[in-house]
Amino acid sequence: MGVVYHANYLVWMEVARTEICAAMGFRYTEMEKDGVLLAVTEAHVRYLSAAKYDEEISVTAILGEANRRFVAFDYEIACNGRKVASGQTRHIFLSPELRPTRLPDKYAPMFGIA
C-alpha cells in the first residue's frame, strides 16, 4: 500500500518513551535493576494521516499523569512537518514477580511526584 504499517507507530512510541525517561534523568534498565518494571496496561493510537515509506518521522513524548502506582505518556507523531498520529500509553509499576508495586522514592521527583 506504500504506507507505514500501523503497528510501527507503537514501536516508535516505545522508542520515544525510552528517550523521555533518559531526559527525565534515568535509564529504564536502571529502574529494572532497582526492581521496578514498567508494564503497558493500555495503548491508544489515533491515526490522522498516512506516513509513507522513506518519509522522515519525528515522535514527541511527554509525561502525562503519574502517581506511585502508574504513569501515562502522551505522543505526537509527525512526518515532514504534518501530524500523522497521536497516542497515549498507560503503565503500571510492577515488581520483578510481576505484582503491582509502588514507585520508589528515588524516582518520584523524576515523574513529578512529590
N, C-alpha and C. Protein backbone atom coordinates (compact mmCIF):
# COMPACT_ATOMS: atom_id res chain seq x y z
N MET A 1 0.81 -1.21 0.00
CA MET A 1 0.00 0.00 0.00
C MET A 1 0.85 1.27 0.00
N GLY A 2 2.15 1.12 0.27
CA GLY A 2 3.01 2.29 0.24
C GLY A 2 2.99 3.13 1.51
N VAL A 3 2.26 2.68 2.52
CA VAL A 3 2.19 3.43 3.78
C VAL A 3 2.79 2.60 4.91
N VAL A 4 3.14 3.27 5.98
CA VAL A 4 3.75 2.61 7.13
C VAL A 4 2.73 1.69 7.81
N TYR A 5 3.18 0.50 8.14
CA TYR A 5 2.34 -0.48 8.84
C TYR A 5 1.92 0.09 10.20
N HIS A 6 0.65 -0.06 10.55
CA HIS A 6 0.08 0.60 11.72
C HIS A 6 0.78 0.26 13.04
N ALA A 7 1.27 -0.96 13.21
CA ALA A 7 1.91 -1.34 14.47
C ALA A 7 3.25 -0.64 14.68
N ASN A 8 3.87 -0.15 13.61
CA ASN A 8 5.13 0.56 13.76
C ASN A 8 5.00 1.81 14.63
N TYR A 9 3.82 2.40 14.64
CA TYR A 9 3.61 3.59 15.45
C TYR A 9 3.82 3.27 16.93
N LEU A 10 3.40 2.10 17.36
CA LEU A 10 3.60 1.69 18.75
C LEU A 10 5.09 1.50 19.06
N VAL A 11 5.82 0.97 18.11
CA VAL A 11 7.27 0.81 18.28
C VAL A 11 7.92 2.19 18.41
N TRP A 12 7.53 3.12 17.57
CA TRP A 12 8.09 4.47 17.65
C TRP A 12 7.75 5.12 18.99
N MET A 13 6.55 4.86 19.49
CA MET A 13 6.17 5.40 20.80
C MET A 13 7.06 4.82 21.90
N GLU A 14 7.38 3.54 21.79
CA GLU A 14 8.26 2.92 22.78
C GLU A 14 9.66 3.54 22.75
N VAL A 15 10.18 3.78 21.58
CA VAL A 15 11.49 4.42 21.45
C VAL A 15 11.45 5.81 22.09
N ALA A 16 10.40 6.57 21.81
CA ALA A 16 10.27 7.91 22.38
C ALA A 16 10.14 7.85 23.90
N ARG A 17 9.44 6.85 24.40
CA ARG A 17 9.28 6.67 25.85
C ARG A 17 10.64 6.39 26.50
N THR A 18 11.44 5.58 25.87
CA THR A 18 12.78 5.29 26.39
C THR A 18 13.61 6.57 26.44
N GLU A 19 13.49 7.37 25.40
CA GLU A 19 14.25 8.62 25.34
C GLU A 19 13.76 9.64 26.36
N ILE A 20 12.46 9.71 26.59
CA ILE A 20 11.96 10.68 27.58
C ILE A 20 12.39 10.27 28.98
N CYS A 21 12.46 8.97 29.24
CA CYS A 21 12.95 8.51 30.55
C CYS A 21 14.39 8.99 30.75
N ALA A 22 15.21 8.86 29.73
CA ALA A 22 16.60 9.34 29.82
C ALA A 22 16.62 10.85 30.06
N ALA A 23 15.75 11.59 29.39
CA ALA A 23 15.68 13.04 29.57
C ALA A 23 15.19 13.40 30.97
N MET A 24 14.39 12.51 31.57
CA MET A 24 13.88 12.74 32.92
C MET A 24 14.93 12.42 33.98
N GLY A 25 16.04 11.78 33.55
CA GLY A 25 17.12 11.55 34.50
C GLY A 25 17.45 10.11 34.83
N PHE A 26 16.86 9.16 34.12
CA PHE A 26 17.17 7.76 34.41
C PHE A 26 17.02 6.92 33.15
N ARG A 27 17.68 5.81 33.14
CA ARG A 27 17.53 4.81 32.08
C ARG A 27 16.57 3.75 32.58
N TYR A 28 15.71 3.30 31.68
CA TYR A 28 14.74 2.28 32.06
C TYR A 28 15.43 1.03 32.61
N THR A 29 16.57 0.65 32.03
CA THR A 29 17.29 -0.53 32.52
C THR A 29 17.76 -0.34 33.96
N GLU A 30 18.07 0.90 34.32
CA GLU A 30 18.46 1.21 35.71
C GLU A 30 17.28 0.95 36.65
N MET A 31 16.08 1.37 36.22
CA MET A 31 14.91 1.17 37.05
C MET A 31 14.63 -0.32 37.21
N GLU A 32 14.83 -1.10 36.14
CA GLU A 32 14.65 -2.55 36.23
C GLU A 32 15.64 -3.15 37.23
N LYS A 33 16.89 -2.70 37.21
CA LYS A 33 17.89 -3.19 38.16
C LYS A 33 17.48 -2.87 39.60
N ASP A 34 16.74 -1.77 39.77
CA ASP A 34 16.23 -1.40 41.10
C ASP A 34 14.95 -2.15 41.45
N GLY A 35 14.53 -3.08 40.60
CA GLY A 35 13.39 -3.93 40.90
C GLY A 35 12.04 -3.37 40.53
N VAL A 36 12.00 -2.41 39.61
CA VAL A 36 10.73 -1.82 39.17
C VAL A 36 10.60 -1.99 37.66
N LEU A 37 9.52 -2.62 37.24
CA LEU A 37 9.22 -2.80 35.82
C LEU A 37 8.08 -1.87 35.44
N LEU A 38 8.03 -1.50 34.20
CA LEU A 38 7.00 -0.59 33.69
C LEU A 38 6.21 -1.35 32.63
N ALA A 39 5.07 -1.88 33.00
CA ALA A 39 4.27 -2.70 32.09
C ALA A 39 3.14 -1.88 31.46
N VAL A 40 2.96 -2.04 30.17
CA VAL A 40 1.89 -1.34 29.46
C VAL A 40 0.54 -1.96 29.85
N THR A 41 -0.39 -1.11 30.26
CA THR A 41 -1.75 -1.57 30.55
C THR A 41 -2.75 -1.11 29.49
N GLU A 42 -2.41 -0.02 28.81
CA GLU A 42 -3.26 0.49 27.73
C GLU A 42 -2.38 1.15 26.69
N ALA A 43 -2.77 1.03 25.44
CA ALA A 43 -2.10 1.75 24.36
C ALA A 43 -3.17 2.22 23.39
N HIS A 44 -3.05 3.47 23.00
CA HIS A 44 -4.03 4.05 22.10
C HIS A 44 -3.29 4.85 21.03
N VAL A 45 -3.68 4.66 19.79
CA VAL A 45 -3.14 5.44 18.69
C VAL A 45 -4.30 5.96 17.86
N ARG A 46 -4.28 7.24 17.57
CA ARG A 46 -5.25 7.83 16.66
C ARG A 46 -4.49 8.20 15.39
N TYR A 47 -4.85 7.54 14.30
CA TYR A 47 -4.19 7.76 13.02
C TYR A 47 -4.88 8.91 12.31
N LEU A 48 -4.12 9.92 11.96
CA LEU A 48 -4.69 11.13 11.37
C LEU A 48 -4.45 11.21 9.87
N SER A 49 -3.29 10.76 9.44
CA SER A 49 -2.99 10.69 8.01
C SER A 49 -1.86 9.69 7.84
N ALA A 50 -1.69 9.20 6.65
CA ALA A 50 -0.72 8.13 6.41
C ALA A 50 0.69 8.67 6.28
N ALA A 51 1.61 8.00 6.97
CA ALA A 51 3.03 8.22 6.72
C ALA A 51 3.42 7.22 5.64
N LYS A 52 4.24 7.66 4.73
CA LYS A 52 4.65 6.79 3.62
C LYS A 52 6.07 6.31 3.83
N TYR A 53 6.41 5.22 3.18
CA TYR A 53 7.76 4.69 3.26
C TYR A 53 8.76 5.75 2.84
N ASP A 54 9.91 5.74 3.51
CA ASP A 54 11.04 6.65 3.24
C ASP A 54 10.80 8.08 3.69
N GLU A 55 9.70 8.37 4.35
CA GLU A 55 9.49 9.71 4.89
C GLU A 55 10.10 9.77 6.29
N GLU A 56 10.63 10.92 6.64
CA GLU A 56 11.22 11.10 7.96
C GLU A 56 10.12 11.30 9.00
N ILE A 57 10.26 10.56 10.10
CA ILE A 57 9.27 10.58 11.19
C ILE A 57 9.89 11.23 12.41
N SER A 58 9.12 12.04 13.11
CA SER A 58 9.54 12.55 14.42
C SER A 58 8.46 12.21 15.43
N VAL A 59 8.90 11.82 16.61
CA VAL A 59 7.97 11.45 17.67
C VAL A 59 8.29 12.28 18.90
N THR A 60 7.28 12.95 19.42
CA THR A 60 7.42 13.72 20.64
C THR A 60 6.65 12.99 21.74
N ALA A 61 7.32 12.76 22.86
CA ALA A 61 6.67 12.14 24.01
C ALA A 61 6.70 13.11 25.17
N ILE A 62 5.60 13.16 25.91
CA ILE A 62 5.57 13.98 27.12
C ILE A 62 4.98 13.14 28.25
N LEU A 63 5.44 13.44 29.44
CA LEU A 63 4.92 12.77 30.62
C LEU A 63 3.50 13.25 30.87
N GLY A 64 2.59 12.31 31.01
CA GLY A 64 1.21 12.65 31.33
C GLY A 64 0.98 12.50 32.82
N GLU A 65 -0.12 11.93 33.18
CA GLU A 65 -0.47 11.71 34.58
C GLU A 65 0.47 10.68 35.21
N ALA A 66 0.86 10.93 36.45
CA ALA A 66 1.74 9.98 37.14
C ALA A 66 1.43 9.98 38.64
N ASN A 67 1.48 8.81 39.22
CA ASN A 67 1.43 8.67 40.67
C ASN A 67 2.30 7.48 41.05
N ARG A 68 2.26 7.05 42.29
CA ARG A 68 3.15 5.97 42.75
C ARG A 68 2.78 4.60 42.17
N ARG A 69 1.63 4.47 41.55
CA ARG A 69 1.18 3.18 41.01
C ARG A 69 1.24 3.09 39.49
N PHE A 70 1.05 4.21 38.81
CA PHE A 70 1.04 4.16 37.35
C PHE A 70 1.52 5.47 36.75
N VAL A 71 1.78 5.42 35.45
CA VAL A 71 2.20 6.61 34.72
C VAL A 71 1.62 6.54 33.31
N ALA A 72 1.37 7.71 32.73
CA ALA A 72 0.89 7.79 31.34
C ALA A 72 1.83 8.69 30.56
N PHE A 73 1.99 8.36 29.29
CA PHE A 73 2.78 9.18 28.37
C PHE A 73 1.90 9.53 27.18
N ASP A 74 2.05 10.74 26.69
CA ASP A 74 1.32 11.20 25.51
C ASP A 74 2.32 11.39 24.37
N TYR A 75 1.87 11.14 23.15
CA TYR A 75 2.76 11.16 21.99
C TYR A 75 2.14 11.93 20.84
N GLU A 76 3.01 12.56 20.06
CA GLU A 76 2.61 13.14 18.79
C GLU A 76 3.62 12.67 17.75
N ILE A 77 3.13 12.13 16.67
CA ILE A 77 3.99 11.62 15.61
C ILE A 77 3.76 12.49 14.37
N ALA A 78 4.86 12.99 13.84
CA ALA A 78 4.79 13.88 12.68
C ALA A 78 5.66 13.34 11.56
N CYS A 79 5.31 13.71 10.36
CA CYS A 79 6.02 13.27 9.17
C CYS A 79 6.13 14.48 8.25
N ASN A 80 7.35 14.89 7.97
CA ASN A 80 7.57 16.06 7.12
C ASN A 80 6.76 17.28 7.56
N GLY A 81 6.70 17.49 8.87
CA GLY A 81 6.03 18.65 9.42
C GLY A 81 4.53 18.53 9.59
N ARG A 82 3.93 17.41 9.19
CA ARG A 82 2.49 17.26 9.39
C ARG A 82 2.23 16.17 10.42
N LYS A 83 1.25 16.40 11.27
CA LYS A 83 0.90 15.44 12.31
C LYS A 83 0.20 14.25 11.67
N VAL A 84 0.74 13.06 11.88
CA VAL A 84 0.14 11.86 11.28
C VAL A 84 -0.55 10.97 12.31
N ALA A 85 -0.18 11.14 13.59
CA ALA A 85 -0.82 10.32 14.63
C ALA A 85 -0.59 10.94 15.99
N SER A 86 -1.47 10.59 16.91
CA SER A 86 -1.27 10.94 18.31
C SER A 86 -1.60 9.69 19.12
N GLY A 87 -1.12 9.65 20.34
CA GLY A 87 -1.37 8.45 21.13
C GLY A 87 -1.09 8.64 22.60
N GLN A 88 -1.39 7.60 23.33
CA GLN A 88 -1.13 7.58 24.76
C GLN A 88 -0.88 6.14 25.18
N THR A 89 0.03 5.97 26.13
CA THR A 89 0.20 4.67 26.78
C THR A 89 0.10 4.88 28.28
N ARG A 90 -0.47 3.89 28.94
CA ARG A 90 -0.54 3.88 30.41
C ARG A 90 0.22 2.65 30.88
N HIS A 91 0.92 2.82 32.00
CA HIS A 91 1.79 1.77 32.52
C HIS A 91 1.59 1.63 34.02
N ILE A 92 1.75 0.42 34.49
CA ILE A 92 1.71 0.14 35.92
C ILE A 92 3.12 -0.24 36.35
N PHE A 93 3.50 0.14 37.55
CA PHE A 93 4.78 -0.25 38.10
C PHE A 93 4.63 -1.64 38.70
N LEU A 94 5.53 -2.54 38.32
CA LEU A 94 5.50 -3.92 38.79
C LEU A 94 6.80 -4.30 39.45
N SER A 95 6.70 -5.27 40.37
CA SER A 95 7.88 -5.87 40.98
C SER A 95 8.44 -6.91 40.01
N PRO A 96 9.64 -7.43 40.26
CA PRO A 96 10.18 -8.49 39.41
C PRO A 96 9.29 -9.74 39.38
N GLU A 97 8.44 -9.91 40.38
CA GLU A 97 7.49 -11.03 40.41
C GLU A 97 6.21 -10.71 39.64
N LEU A 98 6.22 -9.56 38.96
CA LEU A 98 5.08 -9.09 38.15
C LEU A 98 3.85 -8.79 38.99
N ARG A 99 4.07 -8.30 40.18
CA ARG A 99 3.00 -7.84 41.06
C ARG A 99 3.05 -6.32 41.14
N PRO A 100 1.89 -5.66 41.23
CA PRO A 100 1.89 -4.20 41.35
C PRO A 100 2.75 -3.75 42.52
N THR A 101 3.49 -2.69 42.30
CA THR A 101 4.35 -2.13 43.35
C THR A 101 4.30 -0.62 43.27
N ARG A 102 4.81 0.01 44.30
CA ARG A 102 4.86 1.47 44.34
C ARG A 102 6.20 1.95 43.78
N LEU A 103 6.16 3.07 43.12
CA LEU A 103 7.37 3.69 42.60
C LEU A 103 8.26 4.10 43.77
N PRO A 104 9.52 3.68 43.78
CA PRO A 104 10.43 4.06 44.87
C PRO A 104 10.66 5.57 44.93
N ASP A 105 10.96 6.04 46.14
CA ASP A 105 11.20 7.46 46.37
C ASP A 105 12.25 8.03 45.42
N LYS A 106 13.26 7.23 45.10
CA LYS A 106 14.35 7.67 44.24
C LYS A 106 13.82 8.23 42.90
N TYR A 107 12.75 7.64 42.38
CA TYR A 107 12.23 8.01 41.06
C TYR A 107 11.08 9.01 41.10
N ALA A 108 10.47 9.19 42.25
CA ALA A 108 9.28 10.05 42.35
C ALA A 108 9.50 11.44 41.77
N PRO A 109 10.59 12.15 42.13
CA PRO A 109 10.75 13.50 41.57
C PRO A 109 10.91 13.50 40.04
N MET A 110 11.48 12.43 39.50
CA MET A 110 11.67 12.36 38.05
C MET A 110 10.33 12.26 37.32
N PHE A 111 9.33 11.73 38.01
CA PHE A 111 7.98 11.60 37.44
C PHE A 111 7.08 12.75 37.90
N GLY A 112 7.66 13.74 38.57
CA GLY A 112 6.89 14.89 39.01
C GLY A 112 5.99 14.58 40.19
N ILE A 113 6.36 13.58 40.97
CA ILE A 113 5.56 13.17 42.13
C ILE A 113 6.24 13.70 43.39
N ALA A 114 5.47 14.41 44.20
CA ALA A 114 6.04 14.98 45.45
C ALA A 114 6.15 13.92 46.53
